[in-house]
Amino acid sequence: MKYNETLAFRIAERLMHLPDVEEKEMFSSLIFMVDAKMCIGVSKRNLMLRLNPDDLGNLSNKDGWEQMTMGNKVMNGFVLVSEDVLNRNDELDFWIKLALDFNPLAKASKKKVKR
């Protein structure tokens, strides 16, 4: 299993009302692009979310999340949430809402120029 398909389905259900959602398989994960911007990702055991970096301090009372790192570098504004805390729909909805609230403010990645 590349990624948690059950969790991916639960997320897809919550995003199907949005006009511009695209699913992409990347890095052994399923990434949900909203308005052509990386928003939510599902891996084997975690949910990856792109959130407002200024809001991370407000999450100190929430269990099961950590800032995402690549190597030794902290990825500012990206968090990983353990699937263990996402069993309840209200918890999953909380995290998805945070990612969707930030999405309009997030910068799109630069388009690669085809040669």
N, C-alpha and C. Protein backbone atom coordinates (compact mmCIF):
# COMPACT_ATOMS: atom_id res chain seq x y z
N MET A 1 0.85 -1.18 0.00
CA MET A 1 0.00 0.00 0.00
C MET A 1 0.90 1.24 0.00
N LYS A 2 0.73 2.07 -0.98
CA LYS A 2 1.50 3.30 -1.07
C LYS A 2 1.05 4.30 -0.02
N TYR A 3 -0.26 4.45 0.12
CA TYR A 3 -0.82 5.42 1.06
C TYR A 3 -2.11 4.84 1.62
N ASN A 4 -2.61 5.45 2.67
CA ASN A 4 -3.82 4.98 3.34
C ASN A 4 -5.03 5.33 2.46
N GLU A 5 -5.52 4.34 1.74
CA GLU A 5 -6.62 4.56 0.80
C GLU A 5 -7.93 4.92 1.49
N THR A 6 -8.15 4.37 2.67
CA THR A 6 -9.37 4.70 3.42
C THR A 6 -9.38 6.17 3.81
N LEU A 7 -8.26 6.64 4.32
CA LEU A 7 -8.16 8.05 4.68
C LEU A 7 -8.27 8.95 3.45
N ALA A 8 -7.64 8.54 2.36
CA ALA A 8 -7.72 9.31 1.11
C ALA A 8 -9.17 9.42 0.64
N PHE A 9 -9.93 8.35 0.75
CA PHE A 9 -11.34 8.38 0.35
C PHE A 9 -12.14 9.33 1.23
N ARG A 10 -11.88 9.29 2.55
CA ARG A 10 -12.59 10.19 3.46
C ARG A 10 -12.31 11.65 3.13
N ILE A 11 -11.08 11.95 2.75
CA ILE A 11 -10.72 13.32 2.38
C ILE A 11 -11.37 13.70 1.06
N ALA A 12 -11.30 12.81 0.08
CA ALA A 12 -11.90 13.08 -1.23
C ALA A 12 -13.39 13.39 -1.09
N GLU A 13 -14.07 12.69 -0.21
CA GLU A 13 -15.49 12.96 0.03
C GLU A 13 -15.71 14.39 0.52
N ARG A 14 -14.82 14.86 1.36
CA ARG A 14 -14.96 16.20 1.93
C ARG A 14 -14.56 17.30 0.96
N LEU A 15 -13.81 16.96 -0.07
CA LEU A 15 -13.36 17.97 -1.03
C LEU A 15 -14.16 17.97 -2.33
N MET A 16 -15.06 17.01 -2.50
CA MET A 16 -15.73 16.86 -3.80
C MET A 16 -16.63 18.03 -4.15
N HIS A 17 -17.00 18.85 -3.20
CA HIS A 17 -17.85 20.02 -3.48
C HIS A 17 -17.04 21.20 -4.03
N LEU A 18 -15.72 21.12 -3.94
CA LEU A 18 -14.87 22.22 -4.40
C LEU A 18 -14.66 22.14 -5.92
N PRO A 19 -14.58 23.29 -6.59
CA PRO A 19 -14.50 23.27 -8.06
C PRO A 19 -13.15 22.87 -8.63
N ASP A 20 -12.05 23.11 -7.94
CA ASP A 20 -10.74 22.86 -8.55
C ASP A 20 -9.87 22.01 -7.64
N VAL A 21 -10.16 20.70 -7.61
CA VAL A 21 -9.39 19.75 -6.82
C VAL A 21 -8.82 18.71 -7.77
N GLU A 22 -7.53 18.45 -7.61
CA GLU A 22 -6.87 17.45 -8.43
C GLU A 22 -6.08 16.52 -7.51
N GLU A 23 -6.15 15.23 -7.78
CA GLU A 23 -5.39 14.26 -7.01
C GLU A 23 -4.15 13.87 -7.81
N LYS A 24 -2.99 13.87 -7.13
CA LYS A 24 -1.73 13.49 -7.77
C LYS A 24 -0.99 12.53 -6.86
N GLU A 25 -0.47 11.45 -7.43
CA GLU A 25 0.39 10.56 -6.68
C GLU A 25 1.81 11.07 -6.77
N MET A 26 2.41 11.34 -5.60
CA MET A 26 3.78 11.84 -5.52
C MET A 26 4.41 11.32 -4.24
N PHE A 27 5.67 10.94 -4.30
CA PHE A 27 6.42 10.56 -3.10
C PHE A 27 5.72 9.45 -2.31
N SER A 28 5.15 8.46 -2.97
CA SER A 28 4.40 7.36 -2.33
C SER A 28 3.23 7.88 -1.52
N SER A 29 2.72 9.03 -1.89
CA SER A 29 1.57 9.64 -1.21
C SER A 29 0.55 10.07 -2.25
N LEU A 30 -0.65 10.36 -1.79
CA LEU A 30 -1.67 10.96 -2.64
C LEU A 30 -1.81 12.40 -2.18
N ILE A 31 -1.59 13.33 -3.11
CA ILE A 31 -1.65 14.75 -2.81
C ILE A 31 -2.93 15.32 -3.40
N PHE A 32 -3.63 16.11 -2.60
CA PHE A 32 -4.81 16.82 -3.06
C PHE A 32 -4.39 18.26 -3.33
N MET A 33 -4.43 18.62 -4.60
CA MET A 33 -4.13 19.98 -5.03
C MET A 33 -5.45 20.74 -5.06
N VAL A 34 -5.51 21.89 -4.42
CA VAL A 34 -6.71 22.73 -4.44
C VAL A 34 -6.30 24.05 -5.07
N ASP A 35 -6.99 24.42 -6.14
CA ASP A 35 -6.65 25.62 -6.90
C ASP A 35 -5.19 25.59 -7.35
N ALA A 36 -4.75 24.42 -7.79
CA ALA A 36 -3.39 24.18 -8.32
C ALA A 36 -2.30 24.38 -7.27
N LYS A 37 -2.65 24.24 -5.98
CA LYS A 37 -1.68 24.38 -4.90
C LYS A 37 -1.76 23.15 -4.00
N MET A 38 -0.58 22.66 -3.57
CA MET A 38 -0.55 21.53 -2.66
C MET A 38 -1.26 21.92 -1.37
N CYS A 39 -2.23 21.10 -0.98
CA CYS A 39 -3.05 21.44 0.19
C CYS A 39 -3.02 20.33 1.24
N ILE A 40 -3.30 19.10 0.81
CA ILE A 40 -3.42 17.97 1.74
C ILE A 40 -2.76 16.76 1.09
N GLY A 41 -2.08 15.97 1.89
CA GLY A 41 -1.46 14.75 1.39
C GLY A 41 -1.73 13.60 2.33
N VAL A 42 -1.81 12.40 1.76
CA VAL A 42 -2.04 11.19 2.54
C VAL A 42 -0.89 10.23 2.26
N SER A 43 -0.24 9.78 3.35
CA SER A 43 0.80 8.77 3.21
C SER A 43 0.33 7.49 3.90
N LYS A 44 1.25 6.60 4.21
CA LYS A 44 0.85 5.35 4.86
C LYS A 44 0.23 5.58 6.24
N ARG A 45 0.85 6.46 7.02
CA ARG A 45 0.44 6.62 8.41
C ARG A 45 0.09 8.05 8.81
N ASN A 46 0.26 9.00 7.89
CA ASN A 46 0.08 10.40 8.26
C ASN A 46 -0.76 11.17 7.25
N LEU A 47 -1.29 12.24 7.75
CA LEU A 47 -1.93 13.24 6.91
C LEU A 47 -0.98 14.43 6.87
N MET A 48 -0.63 14.89 5.69
CA MET A 48 0.23 16.06 5.54
C MET A 48 -0.67 17.23 5.17
N LEU A 49 -0.45 18.36 5.84
CA LEU A 49 -1.28 19.53 5.60
C LEU A 49 -0.41 20.76 5.44
N ARG A 50 -0.84 21.64 4.57
CA ARG A 50 -0.18 22.93 4.40
C ARG A 50 -1.05 23.95 5.13
N LEU A 51 -0.48 24.50 6.21
CA LEU A 51 -1.23 25.42 7.07
C LEU A 51 -0.53 26.76 7.16
N ASN A 52 -1.26 27.73 7.66
CA ASN A 52 -0.67 29.04 7.91
C ASN A 52 0.37 28.88 9.02
N PRO A 53 1.64 29.21 8.73
CA PRO A 53 2.67 29.07 9.77
C PRO A 53 2.36 29.86 11.03
N ASP A 54 1.64 30.95 10.91
CA ASP A 54 1.29 31.77 12.07
C ASP A 54 0.28 31.08 12.99
N ASP A 55 -0.42 30.06 12.48
CA ASP A 55 -1.43 29.36 13.28
C ASP A 55 -0.87 28.19 14.07
N LEU A 56 0.38 27.81 13.84
CA LEU A 56 0.91 26.62 14.49
C LEU A 56 0.96 26.76 16.01
N GLY A 57 1.20 27.95 16.50
CA GLY A 57 1.22 28.18 17.94
C GLY A 57 -0.13 27.91 18.60
N ASN A 58 -1.21 28.05 17.84
CA ASN A 58 -2.55 27.82 18.37
C ASN A 58 -2.89 26.33 18.47
N LEU A 59 -2.00 25.46 18.00
CA LEU A 59 -2.29 24.03 17.97
C LEU A 59 -1.63 23.27 19.12
N SER A 60 -1.07 24.00 20.07
CA SER A 60 -0.34 23.34 21.15
C SER A 60 -1.22 22.41 21.99
N ASN A 61 -2.53 22.63 21.98
CA ASN A 61 -3.43 21.77 22.75
C ASN A 61 -3.91 20.55 21.96
N LYS A 62 -3.50 20.44 20.70
CA LYS A 62 -3.93 19.31 19.86
C LYS A 62 -2.87 18.21 19.92
N ASP A 63 -3.31 16.97 20.02
CA ASP A 63 -2.41 15.83 20.03
C ASP A 63 -2.19 15.28 18.63
N GLY A 64 -1.08 14.59 18.45
CA GLY A 64 -0.87 13.79 17.27
C GLY A 64 -0.33 14.50 16.05
N TRP A 65 0.24 15.69 16.20
CA TRP A 65 0.78 16.39 15.04
C TRP A 65 2.20 16.87 15.33
N GLU A 66 2.93 17.09 14.26
CA GLU A 66 4.27 17.63 14.36
C GLU A 66 4.59 18.39 13.09
N GLN A 67 5.55 19.31 13.19
CA GLN A 67 5.98 20.01 11.98
C GLN A 67 6.71 19.03 11.09
N MET A 68 6.52 19.18 9.81
CA MET A 68 7.17 18.30 8.84
C MET A 68 8.62 18.72 8.66
N THR A 69 9.50 17.72 8.54
CA THR A 69 10.91 17.99 8.27
C THR A 69 11.35 17.15 7.08
N MET A 70 12.30 17.69 6.34
CA MET A 70 12.96 16.94 5.27
C MET A 70 14.45 17.01 5.56
N GLY A 71 15.00 15.87 5.91
CA GLY A 71 16.38 15.88 6.39
C GLY A 71 16.41 16.60 7.72
N ASN A 72 17.21 17.64 7.82
CA ASN A 72 17.28 18.45 9.03
C ASN A 72 16.52 19.75 8.91
N LYS A 73 15.85 19.95 7.79
CA LYS A 73 15.17 21.22 7.54
C LYS A 73 13.69 21.14 7.92
N VAL A 74 13.26 22.08 8.76
CA VAL A 74 11.85 22.19 9.13
C VAL A 74 11.11 22.84 7.96
N MET A 75 10.03 22.21 7.53
CA MET A 75 9.23 22.73 6.42
C MET A 75 8.18 23.67 7.01
N ASN A 76 8.43 24.94 6.92
CA ASN A 76 7.57 25.95 7.51
C ASN A 76 6.17 25.89 6.91
N GLY A 77 5.17 25.71 7.75
CA GLY A 77 3.79 25.69 7.29
C GLY A 77 3.28 24.32 6.89
N PHE A 78 4.11 23.30 6.98
CA PHE A 78 3.67 21.94 6.67
C PHE A 78 3.69 21.12 7.95
N VAL A 79 2.60 20.41 8.22
CA VAL A 79 2.53 19.56 9.41
C VAL A 79 2.12 18.15 9.01
N LEU A 80 2.47 17.21 9.87
CA LEU A 80 2.04 15.82 9.74
C LEU A 80 1.14 15.51 10.91
N VAL A 81 0.00 14.89 10.62
CA VAL A 81 -0.95 14.49 11.65
C VAL A 81 -1.06 12.98 11.59
N SER A 82 -0.87 12.34 12.74
CA SER A 82 -0.94 10.88 12.82
C SER A 82 -2.36 10.41 12.53
N GLU A 83 -2.46 9.33 11.77
CA GLU A 83 -3.79 8.79 11.47
C GLU A 83 -4.51 8.34 12.74
N ASP A 84 -3.77 8.08 13.81
CA ASP A 84 -4.37 7.65 15.08
C ASP A 84 -5.36 8.66 15.64
N VAL A 85 -5.14 9.94 15.36
CA VAL A 85 -6.04 10.97 15.90
C VAL A 85 -7.13 11.38 14.91
N LEU A 86 -7.18 10.71 13.77
CA LEU A 86 -8.14 11.09 12.72
C LEU A 86 -9.31 10.13 12.59
N ASN A 87 -9.48 9.26 13.55
CA ASN A 87 -10.57 8.29 13.49
C ASN A 87 -11.94 8.95 13.59
N ARG A 88 -12.01 10.03 14.35
CA ARG A 88 -13.28 10.74 14.48
C ARG A 88 -13.42 11.76 13.35
N ASN A 89 -14.61 11.85 12.79
CA ASN A 89 -14.84 12.78 11.68
C ASN A 89 -14.61 14.23 12.08
N ASP A 90 -14.96 14.60 13.32
CA ASP A 90 -14.76 15.99 13.72
C ASP A 90 -13.28 16.35 13.77
N GLU A 91 -12.41 15.42 14.12
CA GLU A 91 -10.97 15.69 14.12
C GLU A 91 -10.46 15.84 12.68
N LEU A 92 -10.86 14.95 11.80
CA LEU A 92 -10.46 15.05 10.40
C LEU A 92 -10.96 16.36 9.81
N ASP A 93 -12.20 16.71 10.08
CA ASP A 93 -12.77 17.96 9.57
C ASP A 93 -12.02 19.18 10.08
N PHE A 94 -11.58 19.16 11.34
CA PHE A 94 -10.82 20.26 11.92
C PHE A 94 -9.55 20.51 11.11
N TRP A 95 -8.79 19.45 10.84
CA TRP A 95 -7.52 19.59 10.13
C TRP A 95 -7.73 20.00 8.68
N ILE A 96 -8.72 19.42 8.02
CA ILE A 96 -9.00 19.78 6.63
C ILE A 96 -9.39 21.25 6.53
N LYS A 97 -10.21 21.71 7.48
CA LYS A 97 -10.63 23.12 7.46
C LYS A 97 -9.43 24.05 7.58
N LEU A 98 -8.47 23.72 8.45
CA LEU A 98 -7.28 24.55 8.58
C LEU A 98 -6.53 24.66 7.25
N ALA A 99 -6.39 23.53 6.57
CA ALA A 99 -5.67 23.54 5.28
C ALA A 99 -6.45 24.33 4.23
N LEU A 100 -7.76 24.14 4.17
CA LEU A 100 -8.57 24.86 3.18
C LEU A 100 -8.63 26.36 3.49
N ASP A 101 -8.62 26.73 4.77
CA ASP A 101 -8.63 28.15 5.12
C ASP A 101 -7.35 28.84 4.66
N PHE A 102 -6.23 28.14 4.71
CA PHE A 102 -4.96 28.73 4.31
C PHE A 102 -4.76 28.71 2.80
N ASN A 103 -5.39 27.79 2.12
CA ASN A 103 -5.14 27.61 0.69
C ASN A 103 -5.23 28.88 -0.15
N PRO A 104 -6.23 29.75 0.04
CA PRO A 104 -6.27 30.97 -0.78
C PRO A 104 -5.07 31.89 -0.54
N LEU A 105 -4.44 31.80 0.62
CA LEU A 105 -3.29 32.63 0.95
C LEU A 105 -1.96 32.01 0.52
N ALA A 106 -1.97 30.71 0.30
CA ALA A 106 -0.73 30.00 -0.04
C ALA A 106 -0.26 30.36 -1.44
N LYS A 107 1.05 30.41 -1.59
CA LYS A 107 1.62 30.68 -2.90
C LYS A 107 1.66 29.40 -3.71
N ALA A 108 1.35 29.52 -4.97
CA ALA A 108 1.44 28.38 -5.88
C ALA A 108 2.91 28.13 -6.21
N SER A 109 3.25 26.88 -6.44
CA SER A 109 4.64 26.61 -6.82
C SER A 109 4.88 27.11 -8.23
N LYS A 110 6.13 27.39 -8.53
CA LYS A 110 6.48 27.89 -9.84
C LYS A 110 6.27 26.80 -10.88
N LYS A 111 5.70 27.17 -11.99
CA LYS A 111 5.48 26.24 -13.10
C LYS A 111 6.80 25.95 -13.78
N LYS A 112 7.04 24.68 -14.09
CA LYS A 112 8.23 24.32 -14.83
C LYS A 112 8.03 24.62 -16.30
N VAL A 113 9.03 25.19 -16.91
CA VAL A 113 8.96 25.52 -18.32
C VAL A 113 9.41 24.29 -19.12
N LYS A 114 8.56 23.83 -20.01
CA LYS A 114 8.92 22.69 -20.86
C LYS A 114 9.78 23.16 -22.00
N ARG A 115 10.81 22.42 -22.27
CA ARG A 115 11.74 22.79 -23.35
C ARG A 115 11.46 21.99 -24.60
